[in-house]
Amino acid sequence: LAIGCEIWAIVILQKPPINMTSIIILLAVGLVTVVIG
């Protein structure tokens, strides 16, 4: 799930205008899932 969040964030990063809020949220979700896992 964390890797999926990263891929999603990379997709967002390639499509301007870049939604920084979405990327930060995906990073936060990824962090939580990696730590719990």
Full PDB file with SEQRES, HELIX, SHEET, SSBOND, CRYST1, ORIGX, SCALE, CONECT and MASTER records, all heavy atoms in Angstrom:
SEQRES   1 A   37  LEU ALA ILE GLY CYS GLU ILE TRP ALA ILE VAL ILE LEU          
SEQRES   2 A   37  GLN LYS PRO PRO ILE ASN MET THR SER ILE ILE ILE LEU          
SEQRES   3 A   37  LEU ALA VAL GLY LEU VAL THR VAL VAL ILE GLY                  
HELIX    1 AA1 ALA A    2  LEU A   13  1                                  12    
HELIX    2 AA2 MET A   20  ILE A   36  1                                  17    
CRYST1    1.000    1.000    1.000  90.00  90.00  90.00 P 1           1          
ORIGX1      1.000000  0.000000  0.000000        0.00000                         
ORIGX2      0.000000  1.000000  0.000000        0.00000                         
ORIGX3      0.000000  0.000000  1.000000        0.00000                         
SCALE1      1.000000  0.000000  0.000000        0.00000                         
SCALE2      0.000000  1.000000  0.000000        0.00000                         
SCALE3      0.000000  0.000000  1.000000        0.00000                         
ATOM      1  N   LEU A   1       0.832  -1.200   0.000  1.00  0.00           N  
ATOM      2  CA  LEU A   1       0.000   0.000   0.000  1.00  0.00           C  
ATOM      3  C   LEU A   1       0.872   1.259   0.000  1.00  0.00           C  
ATOM      4  O   LEU A   1       0.578   2.233  -0.702  1.00  0.00           O  
ATOM      5  CB  LEU A   1      -0.911  -0.013   1.230  1.00  0.00           C  
ATOM      6  CG  LEU A   1      -1.918   1.143   1.370  1.00  0.00           C  
ATOM      7  CD1 LEU A   1      -2.862   1.170   0.170  1.00  0.00           C  
ATOM      8  CD2 LEU A   1      -2.713   1.000   2.662  1.00  0.00           C  
ATOM      9  N   ALA A   2       1.960   1.223   0.776  1.00  0.00           N  
ATOM     10  CA  ALA A   2       2.876   2.361   0.828  1.00  0.00           C  
ATOM     11  C   ALA A   2       3.537   2.593  -0.532  1.00  0.00           C  
ATOM     12  O   ALA A   2       3.664   3.741  -0.984  1.00  0.00           O  
ATOM     13  CB  ALA A   2       3.944   2.125   1.895  1.00  0.00           C  
ATOM     14  N   ILE A   3       3.953   1.514  -1.182  1.00  0.00           N  
ATOM     15  CA  ILE A   3       4.559   1.631  -2.511  1.00  0.00           C  
ATOM     16  C   ILE A   3       3.526   2.145  -3.510  1.00  0.00           C  
ATOM     17  O   ILE A   3       3.843   2.938  -4.409  1.00  0.00           O  
ATOM     18  CB  ILE A   3       5.149   0.276  -2.948  1.00  0.00           C  
ATOM     19  CG1 ILE A   3       6.328  -0.087  -2.030  1.00  0.00           C  
ATOM     20  CG2 ILE A   3       5.607   0.330  -4.408  1.00  0.00           C  
ATOM     21  CD1 ILE A   3       6.869  -1.484  -2.243  1.00  0.00           C  
ATOM     22  N   GLY A   4       2.267   1.711  -3.343  1.00  0.00           N  
ATOM     23  CA  GLY A   4       1.191   2.209  -4.196  1.00  0.00           C  
ATOM     24  C   GLY A   4       0.996   3.707  -4.029  1.00  0.00           C  
ATOM     25  O   GLY A   4       0.771   4.436  -5.004  1.00  0.00           O  
ATOM     26  N   CYS A   5       1.100   4.190  -2.780  1.00  0.00           N  
ATOM     27  CA  CYS A   5       0.992   5.628  -2.520  1.00  0.00           C  
ATOM     28  C   CYS A   5       2.124   6.388  -3.206  1.00  0.00           C  
ATOM     29  O   CYS A   5       1.927   7.480  -3.749  1.00  0.00           O  
ATOM     30  CB  CYS A   5       1.033   5.894  -1.011  1.00  0.00           C  
ATOM     31  SG  CYS A   5      -0.464   5.413  -0.123  1.00  0.00           S  
ATOM     32  N   GLU A   6       3.309   5.785  -3.171  1.00  0.00           N  
ATOM     33  CA  GLU A   6       4.457   6.421  -3.827  1.00  0.00           C  
ATOM     34  C   GLU A   6       4.225   6.524  -5.339  1.00  0.00           C  
ATOM     35  O   GLU A   6       4.478   7.576  -5.948  1.00  0.00           O  
ATOM     36  CB  GLU A   6       5.724   5.623  -3.561  1.00  0.00           C  
ATOM     37  CG  GLU A   6       6.948   6.210  -4.247  1.00  0.00           C  
ATOM     38  CD  GLU A   6       8.119   5.243  -4.294  1.00  0.00           C  
ATOM     39  OE1 GLU A   6       7.893   4.022  -4.376  1.00  0.00           O  
ATOM     40  OE2 GLU A   6       9.258   5.725  -4.272  1.00  0.00           O  
ATOM     41  N   ILE A   7       3.765   5.443  -5.954  1.00  0.00           N  
ATOM     42  CA  ILE A   7       3.510   5.449  -7.395  1.00  0.00           C  
ATOM     43  C   ILE A   7       2.466   6.495  -7.753  1.00  0.00           C  
ATOM     44  O   ILE A   7       2.605   7.232  -8.740  1.00  0.00           O  
ATOM     45  CB  ILE A   7       3.058   4.038  -7.854  1.00  0.00           C  
ATOM     46  CG1 ILE A   7       4.212   3.040  -7.682  1.00  0.00           C  
ATOM     47  CG2 ILE A   7       2.588   4.068  -9.311  1.00  0.00           C  
ATOM     48  CD1 ILE A   7       3.810   1.600  -7.917  1.00  0.00           C  
ATOM     49  N   TRP A   8       1.437   6.572  -6.932  1.00  0.00           N  
ATOM     50  CA  TRP A   8       0.374   7.567  -7.138  1.00  0.00           C  
ATOM     51  C   TRP A   8       0.954   8.983  -7.057  1.00  0.00           C  
ATOM     52  O   TRP A   8       0.646   9.858  -7.868  1.00  0.00           O  
ATOM     53  CB  TRP A   8      -0.729   7.365  -6.117  1.00  0.00           C  
ATOM     54  CG  TRP A   8      -1.990   8.142  -6.390  1.00  0.00           C  
ATOM     55  CD1 TRP A   8      -2.215   9.055  -7.388  1.00  0.00           C  
ATOM     56  CD2 TRP A   8      -3.200   8.086  -5.620  1.00  0.00           C  
ATOM     57  NE1 TRP A   8      -3.485   9.566  -7.297  1.00  0.00           N  
ATOM     58  CE2 TRP A   8      -4.112   8.986  -6.220  1.00  0.00           C  
ATOM     59  CE3 TRP A   8      -3.589   7.371  -4.504  1.00  0.00           C  
ATOM     60  CZ2 TRP A   8      -5.398   9.189  -5.720  1.00  0.00           C  
ATOM     61  CZ3 TRP A   8      -4.867   7.567  -3.994  1.00  0.00           C  
ATOM     62  CH2 TRP A   8      -5.763   8.457  -4.611  1.00  0.00           C  
ATOM     63  N   ALA A   9       1.827   9.200  -6.058  1.00  0.00           N  
ATOM     64  CA  ALA A   9       2.447  10.514  -5.894  1.00  0.00           C  
ATOM     65  C   ALA A   9       3.345  10.848  -7.090  1.00  0.00           C  
ATOM     66  O   ALA A   9       3.391  12.005  -7.531  1.00  0.00           O  
ATOM     67  CB  ALA A   9       3.263  10.542  -4.605  1.00  0.00           C  
ATOM     68  N   ILE A  10       4.035   9.856  -7.617  1.00  0.00           N  
ATOM     69  CA  ILE A  10       4.896  10.073  -8.791  1.00  0.00           C  
ATOM     70  C   ILE A  10       4.056  10.465 -10.001  1.00  0.00           C  
ATOM     71  O   ILE A  10       4.439  11.329 -10.792  1.00  0.00           O  
ATOM     72  CB  ILE A  10       5.737   8.813  -9.074  1.00  0.00           C  
ATOM     73  CG1 ILE A  10       6.790   8.626  -7.975  1.00  0.00           C  
ATOM     74  CG2 ILE A  10       6.414   8.907 -10.448  1.00  0.00           C  
ATOM     75  CD1 ILE A  10       7.568   7.334  -8.075  1.00  0.00           C  
ATOM     76  N   VAL A  11       2.898   9.812 -10.158  1.00  0.00           N  
ATOM     77  CA  VAL A  11       1.990  10.149 -11.263  1.00  0.00           C  
ATOM     78  C   VAL A  11       1.542  11.610 -11.150  1.00  0.00           C  
ATOM     79  O   VAL A  11       1.538  12.352 -12.140  1.00  0.00           O  
ATOM     80  CB  VAL A  11       0.771   9.202 -11.276  1.00  0.00           C  
ATOM     81  CG1 VAL A  11      -0.275   9.699 -12.275  1.00  0.00           C  
ATOM     82  CG2 VAL A  11       1.208   7.783 -11.627  1.00  0.00           C  
ATOM     83  N   ILE A  12       1.168  12.026  -9.935  1.00  0.00           N  
ATOM     84  CA  ILE A  12       0.741  13.413  -9.705  1.00  0.00           C  
ATOM     85  C   ILE A  12       1.885  14.378 -10.014  1.00  0.00           C  
ATOM     86  O   ILE A  12       1.685  15.464 -10.572  1.00  0.00           O  
ATOM     87  CB  ILE A  12       0.258  13.594  -8.246  1.00  0.00           C  
ATOM     88  CG1 ILE A  12      -1.009  12.766  -7.993  1.00  0.00           C  
ATOM     89  CG2 ILE A  12      -0.009  15.064  -7.940  1.00  0.00           C  
ATOM     90  CD1 ILE A  12      -1.462  12.775  -6.545  1.00  0.00           C  
ATOM     91  N   LEU A  13       3.099  13.955  -9.650  1.00  0.00           N  
ATOM     92  CA  LEU A  13       4.272  14.800  -9.837  1.00  0.00           C  
ATOM     93  C   LEU A  13       4.561  15.078 -11.315  1.00  0.00           C  
ATOM     94  O   LEU A  13       5.178  16.092 -11.655  1.00  0.00           O  
ATOM     95  CB  LEU A  13       5.489  14.126  -9.183  1.00  0.00           C  
ATOM     96  CG  LEU A  13       6.742  14.972  -8.948  1.00  0.00           C  
ATOM     97  CD1 LEU A  13       6.441  16.102  -7.972  1.00  0.00           C  
ATOM     98  CD2 LEU A  13       7.858  14.095  -8.400  1.00  0.00           C  
ATOM     99  N   GLN A  14       4.106  14.186 -12.199  1.00  0.00           N  
ATOM    100  CA  GLN A  14       4.396  14.327 -13.628  1.00  0.00           C  
ATOM    101  C   GLN A  14       3.335  15.135 -14.380  1.00  0.00           C  
ATOM    102  O   GLN A  14       3.483  15.377 -15.579  1.00  0.00           O  
ATOM    103  CB  GLN A  14       4.498  12.930 -14.266  1.00  0.00           C  
ATOM    104  CG  GLN A  14       5.502  11.999 -13.610  1.00  0.00           C  
ATOM    105  CD  GLN A  14       6.904  12.573 -13.523  1.00  0.00           C  
ATOM    106  OE1 GLN A  14       7.399  13.159 -14.490  1.00  0.00           O  
ATOM    107  NE2 GLN A  14       7.541  12.422 -12.365  1.00  0.00           N  
ATOM    108  N   LYS A  15       2.268  15.539 -13.686  1.00  0.00           N  
ATOM    109  CA  LYS A  15       1.167  16.223 -14.372  1.00  0.00           C  
ATOM    110  C   LYS A  15       0.934  17.618 -13.781  1.00  0.00           C  
ATOM    111  O   LYS A  15       0.257  17.758 -12.757  1.00  0.00           O  
ATOM    112  CB  LYS A  15      -0.122  15.398 -14.259  1.00  0.00           C  
ATOM    113  CG  LYS A  15      -0.052  14.050 -14.972  1.00  0.00           C  
ATOM    114  CD  LYS A  15      -1.357  13.293 -14.813  1.00  0.00           C  
ATOM    115  CE  LYS A  15      -1.324  11.956 -15.536  1.00  0.00           C  
ATOM    116  NZ  LYS A  15      -2.605  11.217 -15.400  1.00  0.00           N  
ATOM    117  N   PRO A  16       1.504  18.659 -14.405  1.00  0.00           N  
ATOM    118  CA  PRO A  16       1.258  20.020 -13.903  1.00  0.00           C  
ATOM    119  C   PRO A  16      -0.175  20.460 -14.212  1.00  0.00           C  
ATOM    120  O   PRO A  16      -0.761  19.970 -15.188  1.00  0.00           O  
ATOM    121  CB  PRO A  16       2.282  20.847 -14.703  1.00  0.00           C  
ATOM    122  CG  PRO A  16       2.572  20.042 -15.922  1.00  0.00           C  
ATOM    123  CD  PRO A  16       2.419  18.606 -15.532  1.00  0.00           C  
ATOM    124  N   PRO A  17      -0.771  21.334 -13.388  1.00  0.00           N  
ATOM    125  CA  PRO A  17      -0.170  21.898 -12.170  1.00  0.00           C  
ATOM    126  C   PRO A  17      -0.126  20.855 -11.051  1.00  0.00           C  
ATOM    127  O   PRO A  17      -1.092  20.099 -10.856  1.00  0.00           O  
ATOM    128  CB  PRO A  17      -1.113  23.045 -11.820  1.00  0.00           C  
ATOM    129  CG  PRO A  17      -2.433  22.631 -12.384  1.00  0.00           C  
ATOM    130  CD  PRO A  17      -2.117  21.884 -13.654  1.00  0.00           C  
ATOM    131  N   ILE A  18       0.974  20.813 -10.363  1.00  0.00           N  
ATOM    132  CA  ILE A  18       1.210  19.761  -9.368  1.00  0.00           C  
ATOM    133  C   ILE A  18       0.465  20.070  -8.069  1.00  0.00           C  
ATOM    134  O   ILE A  18       0.599  21.160  -7.507  1.00  0.00           O  
ATOM    135  CB  ILE A  18       2.711  19.602  -9.098  1.00  0.00           C  
ATOM    136  CG1 ILE A  18       3.409  19.135 -10.386  1.00  0.00           C  
ATOM    137  CG2 ILE A  18       2.953  18.613  -7.958  1.00  0.00           C  
ATOM    138  CD1 ILE A  18       4.907  19.167 -10.316  1.00  0.00           C  
ATOM    139  N   ASN A  19      -0.299  19.086  -7.619  1.00  0.00           N  
ATOM    140  CA  ASN A  19      -1.057  19.225  -6.371  1.00  0.00           C  
ATOM    141  C   ASN A  19      -0.169  18.786  -5.207  1.00  0.00           C  
ATOM    142  O   ASN A  19      -0.054  17.605  -4.891  1.00  0.00           O  
ATOM    143  CB  ASN A  19      -2.326  18.365  -6.438  1.00  0.00           C  
ATOM    144  CG  ASN A  19      -3.262  18.632  -5.277  1.00  0.00           C  
ATOM    145  OD1 ASN A  19      -2.825  18.976  -4.177  1.00  0.00           O  
ATOM    146  ND2 ASN A  19      -4.551  18.473  -5.513  1.00  0.00           N  
ATOM    147  N   MET A  20       0.471  19.746  -4.562  1.00  0.00           N  
ATOM    148  CA  MET A  20       1.404  19.432  -3.478  1.00  0.00           C  
ATOM    149  C   MET A  20       0.705  18.812  -2.278  1.00  0.00           C  
ATOM    150  O   MET A  20       1.242  17.927  -1.614  1.00  0.00           O  
ATOM    151  CB  MET A  20       2.145  20.695  -3.048  1.00  0.00           C  
ATOM    152  CG  MET A  20       3.127  21.211  -4.088  1.00  0.00           C  
ATOM    153  SD  MET A  20       3.996  22.692  -3.522  1.00  0.00           S  
ATOM    154  CE  MET A  20       4.791  22.114  -2.026  1.00  0.00           C  
ATOM    155  N   THR A  21      -0.513  19.271  -2.013  1.00  0.00           N  
ATOM    156  CA  THR A  21      -1.252  18.745  -0.857  1.00  0.00           C  
ATOM    157  C   THR A  21      -1.483  17.245  -1.000  1.00  0.00           C  
ATOM    158  O   THR A  21      -1.310  16.477  -0.044  1.00  0.00           O  
ATOM    159  CB  THR A  21      -2.599  19.462  -0.707  1.00  0.00           C  
ATOM    160  OG1 THR A  21      -2.377  20.856  -0.549  1.00  0.00           O  
ATOM    161  CG2 THR A  21      -3.359  18.935   0.507  1.00  0.00           C  
ATOM    162  N   SER A  22      -1.860  16.817  -2.193  1.00  0.00           N  
ATOM    163  CA  SER A  22      -2.105  15.389  -2.438  1.00  0.00           C  
ATOM    164  C   SER A  22      -0.830  14.578  -2.246  1.00  0.00           C  
ATOM    165  O   SER A  22      -0.855  13.479  -1.664  1.00  0.00           O  
ATOM    166  CB  SER A  22      -2.641  15.182  -3.858  1.00  0.00           C  
ATOM    167  OG  SER A  22      -3.912  15.799  -4.000  1.00  0.00           O  
ATOM    168  N   ILE A  23       0.286  15.100  -2.719  1.00  0.00           N  
ATOM    169  CA  ILE A  23       1.559  14.388  -2.567  1.00  0.00           C  
ATOM    170  C   ILE A  23       1.936  14.258  -1.099  1.00  0.00           C  
ATOM    171  O   ILE A  23       2.373  13.200  -0.640  1.00  0.00           O  
ATOM    172  CB  ILE A  23       2.676  15.109  -3.356  1.00  0.00           C  
ATOM    173  CG1 ILE A  23       2.393  15.030  -4.855  1.00  0.00           C  
ATOM    174  CG2 ILE A  23       4.037  14.487  -3.045  1.00  0.00           C  
ATOM    175  CD1 ILE A  23       3.380  15.787  -5.716  1.00  0.00           C  
ATOM    176  N   ILE A  24       1.756  15.336  -0.338  1.00  0.00           N  
ATOM    177  CA  ILE A  24       2.082  15.303   1.094  1.00  0.00           C  
ATOM    178  C   ILE A  24       1.186  14.310   1.830  1.00  0.00           C  
ATOM    179  O   ILE A  24       1.647  13.559   2.703  1.00  0.00           O  
ATOM    180  CB  ILE A  24       1.955  16.711   1.706  1.00  0.00           C  
ATOM    181  CG1 ILE A  24       3.051  17.626   1.140  1.00  0.00           C  
ATOM    182  CG2 ILE A  24       2.041  16.655   3.229  1.00  0.00           C  
ATOM    183  CD1 ILE A  24       2.911  19.083   1.538  1.00  0.00           C  
ATOM    184  N   ILE A  25      -0.103  14.283   1.474  1.00  0.00           N  
ATOM    185  CA  ILE A  25      -1.028  13.327   2.102  1.00  0.00           C  
ATOM    186  C   ILE A  25      -0.609  11.896   1.777  1.00  0.00           C  
ATOM    187  O   ILE A  25      -0.600  11.024   2.658  1.00  0.00           O  
ATOM    188  CB  ILE A  25      -2.478  13.582   1.636  1.00  0.00           C  
ATOM    189  CG1 ILE A  25      -2.993  14.899   2.210  1.00  0.00           C  
ATOM    190  CG2 ILE A  25      -3.399  12.431   2.056  1.00  0.00           C  
ATOM    191  CD1 ILE A  25      -4.349  15.324   1.680  1.00  0.00           C  
ATOM    192  N   LEU A  26      -0.243  11.646   0.528  1.00  0.00           N  
ATOM    193  CA  LEU A  26       0.193  10.308   0.123  1.00  0.00           C  
ATOM    194  C   LEU A  26       1.481   9.908   0.845  1.00  0.00           C  
ATOM    195  O   LEU A  26       1.648   8.745   1.241  1.00  0.00           O  
ATOM    196  CB  LEU A  26       0.399  10.255  -1.393  1.00  0.00           C  
ATOM    197  CG  LEU A  26      -0.883  10.270  -2.232  1.00  0.00           C  
ATOM    198  CD1 LEU A  26      -0.560  10.486  -3.699  1.00  0.00           C  
ATOM    199  CD2 LEU A  26      -1.659   8.962  -2.046  1.00  0.00           C  
ATOM    200  N   LEU A  27       2.384  10.851   1.039  1.00  0.00           N  
ATOM    201  CA  LEU A  27       3.607  10.569   1.797  1.00  0.00           C  
ATOM    202  C   LEU A  27       3.292  10.230   3.252  1.00  0.00           C  
ATOM    203  O   LEU A  27       3.894   9.322   3.836  1.00  0.00           O  
ATOM    204  CB  LEU A  27       4.544  11.779   1.731  1.00  0.00           C  
ATOM    205  CG  LEU A  27       5.351  11.951   0.445  1.00  0.00           C  
ATOM    206  CD1 LEU A  27       5.995  13.333   0.391  1.00  0.00           C  
ATOM    207  CD2 LEU A  27       6.424  10.867   0.341  1.00  0.00           C  
ATOM    208  N   ALA A  28       2.331  10.943   3.833  1.00  0.00           N  
ATOM    209  CA  ALA A  28       1.944  10.684   5.224  1.00  0.00           C  
ATOM    210  C   ALA A  28       1.316   9.298   5.370  1.00  0.00           C  
ATOM    211  O   ALA A  28       1.640   8.547   6.296  1.00  0.00           O  
ATOM    212  CB  ALA A  28       0.971  11.758   5.700  1.00  0.00           C  
ATOM    213  N   VAL A  29       0.432   8.966   4.424  1.00  0.00           N  
ATOM    214  CA  VAL A  29      -0.195   7.632   4.447  1.00  0.00           C  
ATOM    215  C   VAL A  29       0.860   6.554   4.259  1.00  0.00           C  
ATOM    216  O   VAL A  29       0.866   5.528   4.954  1.00  0.00           O  
ATOM    217  CB  VAL A  29      -1.284   7.529   3.361  1.00  0.00           C  
ATOM    218  CG1 VAL A  29      -1.807   6.094   3.269  1.00  0.00           C  
ATOM    219  CG2 VAL A  29      -2.428   8.479   3.645  1.00  0.00           C  
ATOM    220  N   GLY A  30       1.778   6.798   3.335  1.00  0.00           N  
ATOM    221  CA  GLY A  30       2.855   5.839   3.099  1.00  0.00           C  
ATOM    222  C   GLY A  30       3.714   5.632   4.326  1.00  0.00           C  
ATOM    223  O   GLY A  30       4.101   4.504   4.654  1.00  0.00           O  
ATOM    224  N   LEU A  31       4.013   6.731   5.029  1.00  0.00           N  
ATOM    225  CA  LEU A  31       4.831   6.630   6.239  1.00  0.00           C  
ATOM    226  C   LEU A  31       4.140   5.797   7.307  1.00  0.00           C  
ATOM    227  O   LEU A  31       4.754   4.913   7.920  1.00  0.00           O  
ATOM    228  CB  LEU A  31       5.119   8.037   6.771  1.00  0.00           C  
ATOM    229  CG  LEU A  31       5.876   8.112   8.098  1.00  0.00           C  
ATOM    230  CD1 LEU A  31       7.227   7.433   7.996  1.00  0.00           C  
ATOM    231  CD2 LEU A  31       6.030   9.568   8.547  1.00  0.00           C  
ATOM    232  N   VAL A  32       2.873   6.060   7.524  1.00  0.00           N  
ATOM    233  CA  VAL A  32       2.121   5.320   8.549  1.00  0.00           C  
ATOM    234  C   VAL A  32       2.076   3.833   8.218  1.00  0.00           C  
ATOM    235  O   VAL A  32       2.301   2.981   9.088  1.00  0.00           O  
ATOM    236  CB  VAL A  32       0.685   5.883   8.683  1.00  0.00           C  
ATOM    237  CG1 VAL A  32      -0.162   4.981   9.572  1.00  0.00           C  
ATOM    238  CG2 VAL A  32       0.720   7.297   9.243  1.00  0.00           C  
ATOM    239  N   THR A  33       1.802   3.503   6.958  1.00  0.00           N  
ATOM    240  CA  THR A  33       1.687   2.090   6.576  1.00  0.00           C  
ATOM    241  C   THR A  33       3.038   1.376   6.642  1.00  0.00           C  
ATOM    242  O   THR A  33       3.113   0.209   7.051  1.00  0.00           O  
ATOM    243  CB  THR A  33       1.092   1.956   5.165  1.00  0.00           C  
ATOM    244  OG1 THR A  33       1.835   2.771   4.253  1.00  0.00           O  
ATOM    245  CG2 THR A  33      -0.363   2.391   5.145  1.00  0.00           C  
ATOM    246  N   VAL A  34       4.121   2.069   6.274  1.00  0.00           N  
ATOM    247  CA  VAL A  34       5.448   1.451   6.360  1.00  0.00           C  
ATOM    248  C   VAL A  34       5.811   1.177   7.816  1.00  0.00           C  
ATOM    249  O   VAL A  34       6.293   0.093   8.159  1.00  0.00           O  
ATOM    250  CB  VAL A  34       6.526   2.350   5.715  1.00  0.00           C  
ATOM    251  CG1 VAL A  34       7.927   1.862   6.095  1.00  0.00           C  
ATOM    252  CG2 VAL A  34       6.399   2.321   4.200  1.00  0.00           C  
ATOM    253  N   VAL A  35       5.567   2.154   8.682  1.00  0.00           N  
ATOM    254  CA  VAL A  35       5.925   2.005  10.098  1.00  0.00           C  
ATOM    255  C   VAL A  35       5.131   0.880  10.753  1.00  0.00           C  
ATOM    256  O   VAL A  35       5.701   0.014  11.436  1.00  0.00           O  
ATOM    257  CB  VAL A  35       5.694   3.332  10.856  1.00  0.00           C  
ATOM    258  CG1 VAL A  35       5.783   3.112  12.369  1.00  0.00           C  
ATOM    259  CG2 VAL A  35       6.723   4.370  10.411  1.00  0.00           C  
ATOM    260  N   ILE A  36       3.816   0.849  10.548  1.00  0.00           N  
ATOM    261  CA  ILE A  36       2.994  -0.209  11.147  1.00  0.00           C  
ATOM    262  C   ILE A  36       3.405  -1.571  10.599  1.00  0.00           C  
ATOM    263  O   ILE A  36       3.542  -2.548  11.347  1.00  0.00           O  
ATOM    264  CB  ILE A  36       1.497   0.043  10.876  1.00  0.00           C  
ATOM    265  CG1 ILE A  36       1.038   1.319  11.581  1.00  0.00           C  
ATOM    266  CG2 ILE A  36       0.656  -1.147  11.355  1.00  0.00           C  
ATOM    267  CD1 ILE A  36      -0.398   1.707  11.279  1.00  0.00           C  
ATOM    268  N   GLY A  37       3.635  -1.631   9.291  1.00  0.00           N  
ATOM    269  CA  GLY A  37       4.070  -2.894   8.689  1.00  0.00           C  
ATOM    270  C   GLY A  37       5.389  -3.366   9.260  1.00  0.00           C  
ATOM    271  O   GLY A  37       5.564  -4.552   9.562  1.00  0.00           O  
TER     272      GLY A  37                                                      
MASTER        0    0    0    2    0    0    0    6  271    1    0    3          
END                                                                             
